[in-house]
């Protein structure tokens, strides 16, 4: 009898605070991703691959149950999984497809708008042997956000893939450089000054977040959704641009990739909001997802699943509120400079970490409904969500299927616009998830983002600043 109780305790693992937020009835969160393949899909190979990798992970072979013994707290409970019930292969021949790209958009959007069955493991994968303008076939997956964040799921993609150049080798990730400080007095002074800046900047940014939570709301623009907790139907689209162009801007202006992408986002939204009488009076902000793990590069899946790992699998993300520079600038490079200046402040602030701790504290003391109400209020007072994920830096194969791109969108919160950038080899995939009742033509917004990158690149070439590139 004692052994049975011990087994029950071991089996029922509680969800993390952020995962509990995503399974709350009023704050549904899911990740929809698209894998483009260079060949036709073999569904049997994909099913076999999932059996050998995904199902070995506890989250993919468990369901969420509200434990009455713990006051209705959400817990993971292992179940037997039949992979074939989660992998769908629609008969494309039965559809009258005149525009494959539009068909995939509609198919993906339908998956996004369909609520997942909480009585079984929260994932599904669709295999579509249909040729589009970017791929010979596609795999479209949907994971409930409680399974993990973007970094966790990207590590799963790595574990499911092999290098094209070496079919027996796992994909490699970009290395991160660590700065090594000296022990002289100047270093000590610099560290002390940095500590003062961190404390001051954190206080200022948290005060702004408090104002947002209480009453400060973004200006009503065509990008804002309708007031309320629920969105209209989501539409998901993506566009592929050159990663080399982004790197060119990054290296020339001596910035980070994230700075460039934020600059492109600011420049791309300017034409949409220019209908306002005065752009100087427009307040437009975005919530940016921040990885709170000590390391930012994608870790090996086995390392993330190890107990005690500093880069654990799960939802270890925080949020910062980013004020977008929406002005008519004669110099398009100003959008990127402004993005970097604002992001530099956010990097030395502990805003994301403190807010994550606040969510954990509120969840423990007041429960999930209080966290849900707070999170909804922050999202409803801002305009959009932004994030970017670094993907493979070389071509890979997914369960023996050579890939040509990967796109993903996280569907969370009541905002009408969600922008995600995902890199793959020499490509950047721009992913938009929009509320079509607020933004009926997301392709126009996507065109603006693509055009903004081109304008920024041409501006650098015209000014001859590319000579600075190292």
Protein backbone atom coordinates (compact mmCIF):
# COMPACT_ATOMS: atom_id res chain seq x y z
CA UNK A 1 0.00 0.00 0.00
CA UNK A 2 2.85 2.36 0.84
CA UNK A 3 4.50 1.56 -2.49
CA UNK A 4 1.29 2.41 -4.37
CA UNK A 5 1.08 5.79 -2.64
CA UNK A 6 4.72 6.48 -3.42
CA UNK A 7 4.12 5.61 -7.10
CA UNK A 8 1.12 7.93 -7.20
CA UNK A 9 3.19 10.80 -5.79
CA UNK A 10 5.96 10.14 -8.32
CA UNK A 11 3.54 9.99 -11.24
CA UNK A 12 1.64 13.21 -10.55
CA UNK A 13 4.14 15.98 -11.26
CA UNK A 14 2.90 19.58 -10.84
CA UNK A 15 3.09 22.07 -13.69
CA UNK A 16 5.37 25.11 -13.49
CA UNK A 17 3.69 28.49 -12.76
CA UNK A 18 3.83 29.61 -16.42
CA UNK A 19 2.56 26.24 -17.66
CA UNK A 20 -0.32 26.47 -15.18
CA UNK A 21 -1.19 29.84 -16.66
CA UNK A 22 -1.33 28.36 -20.17
CA UNK A 23 -3.76 25.59 -19.12
CA UNK A 24 -6.13 27.99 -17.37
CA UNK A 25 -9.51 28.13 -19.19
CA UNK A 26 -9.29 31.85 -19.93
CA UNK A 27 -5.68 31.97 -21.14
CA UNK A 28 -5.30 29.26 -23.75
CA UNK A 29 -1.79 29.03 -25.24
CA UNK A 30 -0.48 26.94 -28.13
CA UNK A 31 2.46 26.83 -30.54
CA UNK A 32 1.80 26.09 -34.21
CA UNK A 33 4.84 25.33 -36.35
CA UNK A 34 5.48 24.48 -39.99
CA UNK A 35 8.35 22.40 -41.35
CA UNK A 36 9.03 22.74 -45.06
CA UNK A 37 10.58 19.68 -46.73
CA UNK A 38 12.56 19.33 -49.97
CA UNK A 39 11.02 15.91 -50.72
CA UNK A 40 7.67 14.17 -50.33
CA UNK A 41 6.84 13.01 -46.81
CA UNK A 42 6.93 9.41 -45.69
CA UNK A 43 4.39 9.40 -42.86
CA UNK A 44 5.55 5.97 -41.62
CA UNK A 45 9.10 7.27 -41.12
CA UNK A 46 7.80 10.26 -39.19
CA UNK A 47 5.60 8.10 -36.96
CA UNK A 48 8.54 5.81 -36.24
CA UNK A 49 10.80 8.78 -35.52
CA UNK A 50 8.29 10.25 -33.06
CA UNK A 51 8.04 6.91 -31.27
CA UNK A 52 11.81 6.88 -30.80
CA UNK A 53 12.17 10.48 -29.59
CA UNK A 54 9.11 12.53 -28.62
CA UNK A 55 7.28 9.79 -26.72
CA UNK A 56 10.32 9.22 -24.53
CA UNK A 57 9.82 12.71 -23.11
CA UNK A 58 7.47 12.76 -20.10
CA UNK A 59 5.47 15.79 -21.34
CA UNK A 60 4.60 14.10 -24.64
CA UNK A 61 3.32 10.96 -22.96
CA UNK A 62 1.33 12.69 -20.21
CA UNK A 63 -1.95 14.53 -19.93
CA UNK A 64 -2.94 17.43 -17.69
CA UNK A 65 -5.28 16.62 -14.80
CA UNK A 66 -6.63 18.89 -12.08
CA UNK A 67 -5.70 17.18 -8.82
CA UNK A 68 -8.52 17.50 -6.26
CA UNK A 69 -6.12 16.51 -3.48
CA UNK A 70 -4.08 19.66 -4.21
CA UNK A 71 -6.99 22.12 -4.44
CA UNK A 72 -7.42 21.60 -8.17
CA UNK A 73 -3.74 22.19 -9.02
CA UNK A 74 -2.78 21.08 -12.54
CA UNK A 75 -0.46 18.05 -12.65
CA UNK A 76 1.11 15.84 -15.33
CA UNK A 77 -0.16 12.24 -15.34
CA UNK A 78 1.56 9.66 -17.60
CA UNK A 79 -0.68 7.76 -20.02
CA UNK A 80 -0.24 5.20 -22.77
CA UNK A 81 0.16 6.96 -26.11
CA UNK A 82 -0.65 5.63 -29.56
CA UNK A 83 1.38 7.87 -31.86
CA UNK A 84 -0.85 7.13 -34.86
CA UNK A 85 -3.71 8.89 -33.05
CA UNK A 86 -1.67 12.11 -32.95
CA UNK A 87 -0.26 12.05 -36.50
CA UNK A 88 -2.73 13.04 -39.22
CA UNK A 89 -2.27 12.45 -42.95
CA UNK A 90 -5.14 14.13 -44.83
CA UNK A 91 -5.99 12.84 -48.29
CA UNK A 92 -5.04 15.91 -50.32
CA UNK A 93 -6.49 14.41 -53.53
CA UNK A 94 -10.00 14.93 -52.12
CA UNK A 95 -9.50 18.70 -52.00
CA UNK A 96 -9.94 21.00 -54.98
CA UNK A 97 -6.66 22.91 -54.60
CA UNK A 98 -6.05 25.70 -57.08
CA UNK A 99 -3.77 27.75 -54.82
CA UNK A 100 -1.56 25.51 -52.62
CA UNK A 101 -0.12 28.41 -50.61
CA UNK A 102 -3.59 29.67 -49.71
CA UNK A 103 -4.71 26.13 -48.88
CA UNK A 104 -1.81 25.73 -46.42
CA UNK A 105 -2.59 29.11 -44.83
CA UNK A 106 -6.22 28.09 -44.33
CA UNK A 107 -5.26 24.62 -43.08
CA UNK A 108 -2.73 26.02 -40.60
CA UNK A 109 -5.16 28.68 -39.38
CA UNK A 110 -7.86 26.05 -38.87
CA UNK A 111 -5.47 24.02 -36.70
CA UNK A 112 -4.64 27.16 -34.72
CA UNK A 113 -8.31 28.00 -34.11
CA UNK A 114 -9.26 24.47 -33.03
CA UNK A 115 -9.11 23.97 -29.25
CA UNK A 116 -7.00 21.01 -28.16
CA UNK A 117 -8.49 18.02 -26.36
CA UNK A 118 -7.21 18.30 -22.77
CA UNK A 119 -8.08 14.67 -22.01
CA UNK A 120 -5.01 13.36 -23.85
CA UNK A 121 -1.35 14.36 -24.48
CA UNK A 122 -1.32 17.91 -25.83
CA UNK A 123 0.36 17.60 -29.20
CA UNK A 124 -0.43 16.70 -32.80
CA UNK A 125 1.40 16.54 -36.14
CA UNK A 126 -0.03 16.79 -39.66
CA UNK A 127 1.72 15.46 -42.77
CA UNK A 128 0.74 17.16 -46.05
CA UNK A 129 2.17 15.98 -49.34
CA UNK A 130 1.39 19.14 -51.22
CA UNK A 131 3.85 21.28 -53.18
CA UNK A 132 3.92 24.99 -52.35
CA UNK A 133 6.07 27.88 -53.55
CA UNK A 134 8.60 27.13 -50.79
CA UNK A 135 8.50 23.37 -50.22
CA UNK A 136 7.72 19.99 -51.81
CA UNK A 137 5.74 18.87 -48.74
CA UNK A 138 5.05 20.07 -45.22
CA UNK A 139 4.72 18.97 -41.64
CA UNK A 140 2.45 21.12 -39.47
CA UNK A 141 2.53 20.60 -35.74
CA UNK A 142 0.65 21.98 -32.79
CA UNK A 143 1.91 21.84 -29.22
CA UNK A 144 0.12 23.16 -26.20
CA UNK A 145 2.31 25.89 -24.71
CA UNK A 146 2.30 24.08 -21.35
CA UNK A 147 4.68 21.52 -22.91
CA UNK A 148 7.49 24.05 -23.15
CA UNK A 149 8.72 27.34 -24.59
CA UNK A 150 10.44 28.09 -27.89
CA UNK A 151 13.90 27.05 -26.68
CA UNK A 152 12.58 23.72 -25.37
CA UNK A 153 10.76 22.90 -28.58
CA UNK A 154 13.71 23.97 -30.74
CA UNK A 155 15.88 21.51 -28.77
CA UNK A 156 13.28 18.84 -29.63
CA UNK A 157 13.66 19.71 -33.33
CA UNK A 158 17.42 19.31 -33.00
CA UNK A 159 17.01 15.90 -31.34
CA UNK A 160 14.68 14.84 -34.18
CA UNK A 161 17.12 15.92 -36.89
CA UNK A 162 20.49 15.15 -38.39
CA UNK A 163 22.97 17.14 -40.46
CA UNK A 164 22.57 16.93 -44.22
CA UNK A 165 26.36 16.95 -44.52
CA UNK A 166 26.70 14.13 -41.97
CA UNK A 167 23.52 11.99 -41.59
CA UNK A 168 24.83 10.45 -38.35
CA UNK A 169 25.57 13.77 -36.60
CA UNK A 170 23.21 15.99 -34.61
CA UNK A 171 22.86 19.63 -35.75
CA UNK A 172 25.24 22.13 -34.21
CA UNK A 173 24.30 25.37 -32.53
CA UNK A 174 25.99 28.74 -32.58
CA UNK A 175 28.41 29.21 -29.71
CA UNK A 176 28.15 32.09 -27.31
CA UNK A 177 31.18 34.11 -26.29
CA UNK A 178 31.75 34.88 -22.62
CA UNK A 179 33.39 38.07 -21.55
CA UNK A 180 36.25 37.63 -19.11
CA UNK A 181 36.85 40.53 -16.80
CA UNK A 182 40.19 41.55 -15.33
CA UNK A 183 40.93 41.95 -11.66
CA UNK A 184 42.24 45.50 -11.72
CA UNK A 185 40.60 48.48 -10.02
CA UNK A 186 39.01 49.70 -13.23
CA UNK A 187 37.11 46.44 -13.52
CA UNK A 188 35.86 46.77 -9.92
CA UNK A 189 34.68 50.33 -10.56
CA UNK A 190 32.95 49.23 -13.76
CA UNK A 191 31.20 46.41 -11.92
CA UNK A 192 30.04 48.77 -9.17
CA UNK A 193 28.73 51.29 -11.72
CA UNK A 194 26.95 48.49 -13.59
CA UNK A 195 25.25 47.38 -10.37
CA UNK A 196 23.98 50.93 -9.78
CA UNK A 197 22.65 51.08 -13.36
CA UNK A 198 20.93 47.69 -12.99
CA UNK A 199 19.15 48.74 -9.80
CA UNK A 200 18.09 52.12 -11.17
CA UNK A 201 16.98 50.79 -14.58
CA UNK A 202 15.08 47.89 -13.00
CA UNK A 203 13.20 50.28 -10.72
CA UNK A 204 12.22 52.54 -13.64
CA UNK A 205 11.11 49.67 -15.89
CA UNK A 206 9.10 48.01 -13.12
CA UNK A 207 7.39 51.31 -12.40
CA UNK A 208 6.39 51.54 -16.08
CA UNK A 209 5.08 47.97 -15.92
CA UNK A 210 3.03 48.87 -12.85
CA UNK A 211 1.51 51.83 -14.71
CA UNK A 212 0.66 49.51 -17.61
CA UNK A 213 -0.98 47.03 -15.26
CA UNK A 214 -3.03 49.76 -13.57
CA UNK A 215 -4.21 52.07 -16.32
CA UNK A 216 -1.68 52.96 -19.08
CA UNK A 217 -3.08 51.63 -22.35
CA UNK A 218 -1.74 51.86 -25.90
CA UNK A 219 -3.27 54.28 -28.38
CA UNK A 220 -6.06 52.80 -30.44
CA UNK A 221 -4.65 51.96 -33.90
CA UNK A 222 -5.60 49.55 -36.71
CA UNK A 223 -3.25 47.03 -35.03
CA UNK A 224 -5.18 46.96 -31.75
CA UNK A 225 -7.71 44.26 -31.13
CA UNK A 226 -11.20 44.83 -29.80
CA UNK A 227 -11.55 45.20 -26.02
CA UNK A 228 -12.28 41.96 -24.21
CA UNK A 229 -10.71 38.71 -23.17
CA UNK A 230 -11.28 36.75 -26.35
CA UNK A 231 -9.95 37.14 -29.86
CA UNK A 232 -11.60 36.62 -33.17
CA UNK A 233 -10.33 33.88 -35.49
CA UNK A 234 -6.55 33.77 -35.92
CA UNK A 235 -4.86 33.68 -39.29
CA UNK A 236 -1.29 32.46 -39.56
CA UNK A 237 1.01 33.42 -42.42
CA UNK A 238 4.75 33.46 -42.95
CA UNK A 239 7.29 34.97 -45.32
CA UNK A 240 10.91 33.97 -45.97
CA UNK A 241 13.68 36.58 -46.25
CA UNK A 242 17.46 36.39 -46.43
CA UNK A 243 19.32 35.92 -43.15
CA UNK A 244 22.40 37.27 -44.91
CA UNK A 245 20.60 40.62 -45.36
CA UNK A 246 19.84 40.73 -41.64
CA UNK A 247 23.45 39.81 -40.81
CA UNK A 248 24.66 42.52 -43.20
CA UNK A 249 22.71 45.17 -41.28
CA UNK A 250 23.79 43.64 -37.97
CA UNK A 251 27.50 43.61 -38.79
CA UNK A 252 27.53 46.99 -40.49
CA UNK A 253 25.74 48.77 -37.65
CA UNK A 254 27.52 46.63 -35.01
CA UNK A 255 24.33 45.39 -33.38
CA UNK A 256 22.59 42.16 -32.45
CA UNK A 257 20.22 40.24 -34.70
CA UNK A 258 17.42 40.98 -32.23
CA UNK A 259 18.08 44.74 -32.57
CA UNK A 260 17.79 44.54 -36.35
CA UNK A 261 14.56 42.53 -36.22
CA UNK A 262 13.02 44.97 -33.75
CA UNK A 263 14.07 47.84 -36.02
CA UNK A 264 12.44 46.13 -38.99
CA UNK A 265 9.28 45.62 -36.93
CA UNK A 266 9.13 49.30 -35.96
CA UNK A 267 9.69 50.45 -39.54
CA UNK A 268 7.17 47.93 -40.89
CA UNK A 269 4.40 49.11 -38.57
CA UNK A 270 4.88 52.79 -39.43
CA UNK A 271 2.82 52.60 -42.70
CA UNK A 272 0.00 50.81 -40.84
CA UNK A 273 -0.29 53.43 -38.10
CA UNK A 274 0.32 56.50 -40.27
CA UNK A 275 -3.43 57.02 -40.59
CA UNK A 276 -3.30 58.53 -37.12
CA UNK A 277 -3.46 62.33 -37.04
CA UNK A 278 -0.25 62.68 -35.02
CA UNK A 279 2.30 59.90 -34.74
CA UNK A 280 4.09 61.79 -31.94
CA UNK A 281 1.02 61.23 -29.76
CA UNK A 282 0.81 57.50 -30.56
CA UNK A 283 1.77 55.09 -27.79
CA UNK A 284 2.44 51.63 -29.18
CA UNK A 285 4.19 48.91 -27.19
CA UNK A 286 4.94 45.24 -27.48
CA UNK A 287 5.49 42.45 -24.99
CA UNK A 288 8.76 40.65 -25.71
CA UNK A 289 9.36 37.09 -24.55
CA UNK A 290 12.72 36.72 -22.73
CA UNK A 291 14.52 33.44 -22.11
CA UNK A 292 15.46 33.36 -18.39
CA UNK A 293 17.93 30.47 -18.59
CA UNK A 294 21.59 31.18 -17.81
CA UNK A 295 22.59 30.22 -21.38
CA UNK A 296 20.90 31.51 -24.50
CA UNK A 297 22.02 28.93 -27.04
CA UNK A 298 19.93 25.85 -27.81
CA UNK A 299 21.01 23.02 -25.52
CA UNK A 300 21.09 19.30 -26.23
CA UNK A 301 17.75 17.69 -25.39
CA UNK A 302 19.33 15.15 -23.04
CA UNK A 303 20.97 17.98 -21.08
CA UNK A 304 17.68 19.88 -20.79
CA UNK A 305 15.90 16.79 -19.44
CA UNK A 306 18.57 16.08 -16.81
CA UNK A 307 17.61 16.88 -13.23
CA UNK A 308 19.58 19.79 -11.85
CA UNK A 309 20.38 21.21 -15.29
CA UNK A 310 20.68 25.00 -15.39
CA UNK A 311 18.87 24.98 -18.75
CA UNK A 312 15.87 22.82 -17.94
CA UNK A 313 13.06 21.89 -20.27
CA UNK A 314 9.87 23.85 -19.68
CA UNK A 315 8.48 27.38 -19.74
CA UNK A 316 11.31 29.51 -18.31
CA UNK A 317 10.33 32.76 -19.98
CA UNK A 318 9.68 36.25 -18.75
CA UNK A 319 8.20 39.31 -20.41
CA UNK A 320 9.40 42.88 -20.89
CA UNK A 321 7.29 45.75 -22.22
CA UNK A 322 9.00 47.36 -25.20
CA UNK A 323 7.96 50.87 -26.41
CA UNK A 324 7.96 50.88 -30.21
CA UNK A 325 9.32 53.90 -32.05
CA UNK A 326 6.46 54.76 -34.44
CA UNK A 327 7.50 57.96 -36.17
CA UNK A 328 7.97 59.04 -39.78
CA UNK A 329 11.76 58.97 -40.09
CA UNK A 330 13.63 60.28 -43.13
CA UNK A 331 16.53 58.02 -42.19
CA UNK A 332 15.32 54.37 -42.03
CA UNK A 333 18.40 53.42 -39.99
CA UNK A 334 16.95 55.43 -37.11
CA UNK A 335 14.43 52.65 -36.48
CA UNK A 336 17.27 50.19 -35.86
CA UNK A 337 19.24 52.65 -33.72
CA UNK A 338 16.18 53.32 -31.57
CA UNK A 339 15.53 49.60 -31.19
CA UNK A 340 19.09 48.99 -30.00
CA UNK A 341 19.02 51.93 -27.57
CA UNK A 342 15.80 50.71 -25.96
CA UNK A 343 16.89 47.06 -25.91
CA UNK A 344 20.21 47.97 -24.27
CA UNK A 345 18.22 49.37 -21.33
CA UNK A 346 16.11 46.24 -21.15
CA UNK A 347 19.21 44.01 -21.13
CA UNK A 348 20.62 45.58 -17.98
CA UNK A 349 17.22 45.60 -16.31
CA UNK A 350 15.97 42.67 -14.23
CA UNK A 351 12.39 43.44 -15.28
CA UNK A 352 11.73 40.03 -16.86
CA UNK A 353 13.18 38.08 -13.92
CA UNK A 354 11.32 40.14 -11.29
CA UNK A 355 8.01 39.81 -13.16
CA UNK A 356 8.55 36.04 -13.43
CA UNK A 357 9.11 35.91 -9.66
CA UNK A 358 6.00 38.03 -9.14
CA UNK A 359 3.96 35.56 -11.22
CA UNK A 360 5.27 32.63 -9.14
CA UNK A 361 4.51 34.43 -5.89
CA UNK A 362 1.00 35.42 -7.01
CA UNK A 363 0.28 31.91 -8.25
CA UNK A 364 1.32 30.43 -4.91
CA UNK A 365 -0.52 32.91 -2.67
CA UNK A 366 -3.60 33.93 -4.68
CA UNK A 367 -3.95 31.15 -7.26
CA UNK A 368 -4.23 30.87 -11.01
CA UNK A 369 -7.21 33.19 -11.48
CA UNK A 370 -5.29 36.14 -10.04
CA UNK A 371 -2.31 35.46 -12.35
CA UNK A 372 -4.66 35.07 -15.31
CA UNK A 373 -6.32 38.43 -14.57
CA UNK A 374 -2.96 40.23 -14.22
CA UNK A 375 -1.51 38.70 -17.39
CA UNK A 376 -4.62 39.47 -19.44
CA UNK A 377 -4.55 43.07 -18.30
CA UNK A 378 -0.92 43.57 -19.35
CA UNK A 379 -1.53 41.99 -22.76
CA UNK A 380 -4.76 43.90 -23.36
CA UNK A 381 -3.04 47.22 -22.56
CA UNK A 382 -0.32 46.60 -25.17
CA UNK A 383 -0.51 46.13 -28.94
CA UNK A 384 1.56 43.12 -29.97
CA UNK A 385 3.82 40.26 -28.91
CA UNK A 386 7.32 39.87 -30.37
CA UNK A 387 9.92 37.13 -30.12
CA UNK A 388 12.67 35.52 -32.13
CA UNK A 389 14.24 32.08 -31.92
CA UNK A 390 17.64 31.08 -33.29
CA UNK A 391 17.25 27.90 -35.33
CA UNK A 392 19.77 25.57 -37.01
CA UNK A 393 22.69 27.33 -38.70
CA UNK A 394 22.90 24.67 -41.40
CA UNK A 395 20.55 22.48 -43.46
CA UNK A 396 19.17 19.53 -41.53
CA UNK A 397 16.85 16.56 -42.09
CA UNK A 398 13.84 15.84 -39.89
CA UNK A 399 13.43 12.07 -39.50
CA UNK A 400 15.28 11.58 -42.82
CA UNK A 401 13.35 14.38 -44.58
CA UNK A 402 15.62 17.23 -45.80
CA UNK A 403 14.21 20.54 -44.59
CA UNK A 404 14.12 23.90 -46.37
CA UNK A 405 12.60 26.10 -43.63
CA UNK A 406 10.88 26.14 -40.23
CA UNK A 407 8.22 28.60 -39.09
CA UNK A 408 6.41 28.93 -35.76
CA UNK A 409 3.81 31.08 -34.02
CA UNK A 410 2.91 31.09 -30.33
CA UNK A 411 -0.76 31.89 -29.83
CA UNK A 412 -1.16 33.52 -26.43
CA UNK A 413 -3.04 36.45 -24.94
CA UNK A 414 -5.77 38.72 -26.29
CA UNK A 415 -3.52 40.76 -28.60
CA UNK A 416 -4.49 41.01 -32.25
CA UNK A 417 -0.90 40.81 -33.56
CA UNK A 418 1.82 38.28 -32.73
CA UNK A 419 5.16 38.44 -34.58
CA UNK A 420 7.77 35.69 -34.40
CA UNK A 421 11.06 35.49 -36.27
CA UNK A 422 12.72 32.08 -36.67
CA UNK A 423 16.07 31.52 -38.37
CA UNK A 424 16.96 28.48 -40.44
CA UNK A 425 20.36 28.21 -42.16
CA UNK A 426 20.53 31.25 -44.49
CA UNK A 427 16.87 32.21 -44.04
CA UNK A 428 14.75 34.23 -41.63
CA UNK A 429 11.08 33.23 -41.49
CA UNK A 430 8.69 36.04 -40.54
CA UNK A 431 5.64 34.53 -38.84
CA UNK A 432 2.47 36.52 -38.21
CA UNK A 433 -0.54 35.39 -36.20
CA UNK A 434 -3.32 37.96 -36.39
CA UNK A 435 -6.89 38.48 -35.30
CA UNK A 436 -8.62 38.90 -38.65
CA UNK A 437 -11.42 41.00 -37.14
CA UNK A 438 -8.81 43.67 -36.34
CA UNK A 439 -6.28 43.04 -39.16
CA UNK A 440 -8.18 41.69 -42.16
CA UNK A 441 -5.14 41.80 -44.51
CA UNK A 442 -2.06 40.42 -42.70
CA UNK A 443 -0.24 40.05 -46.03
CA UNK A 444 0.00 43.85 -46.29
CA UNK A 445 1.70 44.01 -42.90
CA UNK A 446 4.03 41.18 -43.91
CA UNK A 447 4.89 43.04 -47.13
CA UNK A 448 5.75 46.11 -45.05
CA UNK A 449 8.17 44.12 -42.89
CA UNK A 450 9.91 42.63 -45.94
CA UNK A 451 10.10 46.04 -47.60
CA UNK A 452 11.50 47.60 -44.42
CA UNK A 453 14.44 45.19 -44.40
CA UNK A 454 15.18 45.99 -48.03
CA UNK A 455 14.98 49.76 -47.44
CA UNK A 456 17.30 49.57 -44.42
CA UNK A 457 19.79 47.47 -46.37
CA UNK A 458 19.72 49.84 -49.38
CA UNK A 459 20.16 52.83 -47.08
CA UNK A 460 23.37 51.32 -45.73
CA UNK A 461 24.64 50.63 -49.24
CA UNK A 462 23.85 54.16 -50.43
CA UNK A 463 25.66 55.73 -47.47
CA UNK A 464 28.66 53.48 -47.95
CA UNK A 465 28.52 52.35 -44.33
CA UNK A 466 29.01 48.74 -45.40
CA UNK A 467 32.73 49.43 -45.53
CA UNK A 468 32.63 49.20 -41.74
CA UNK A 469 31.59 45.56 -41.90
CA UNK A 470 34.17 43.28 -40.29
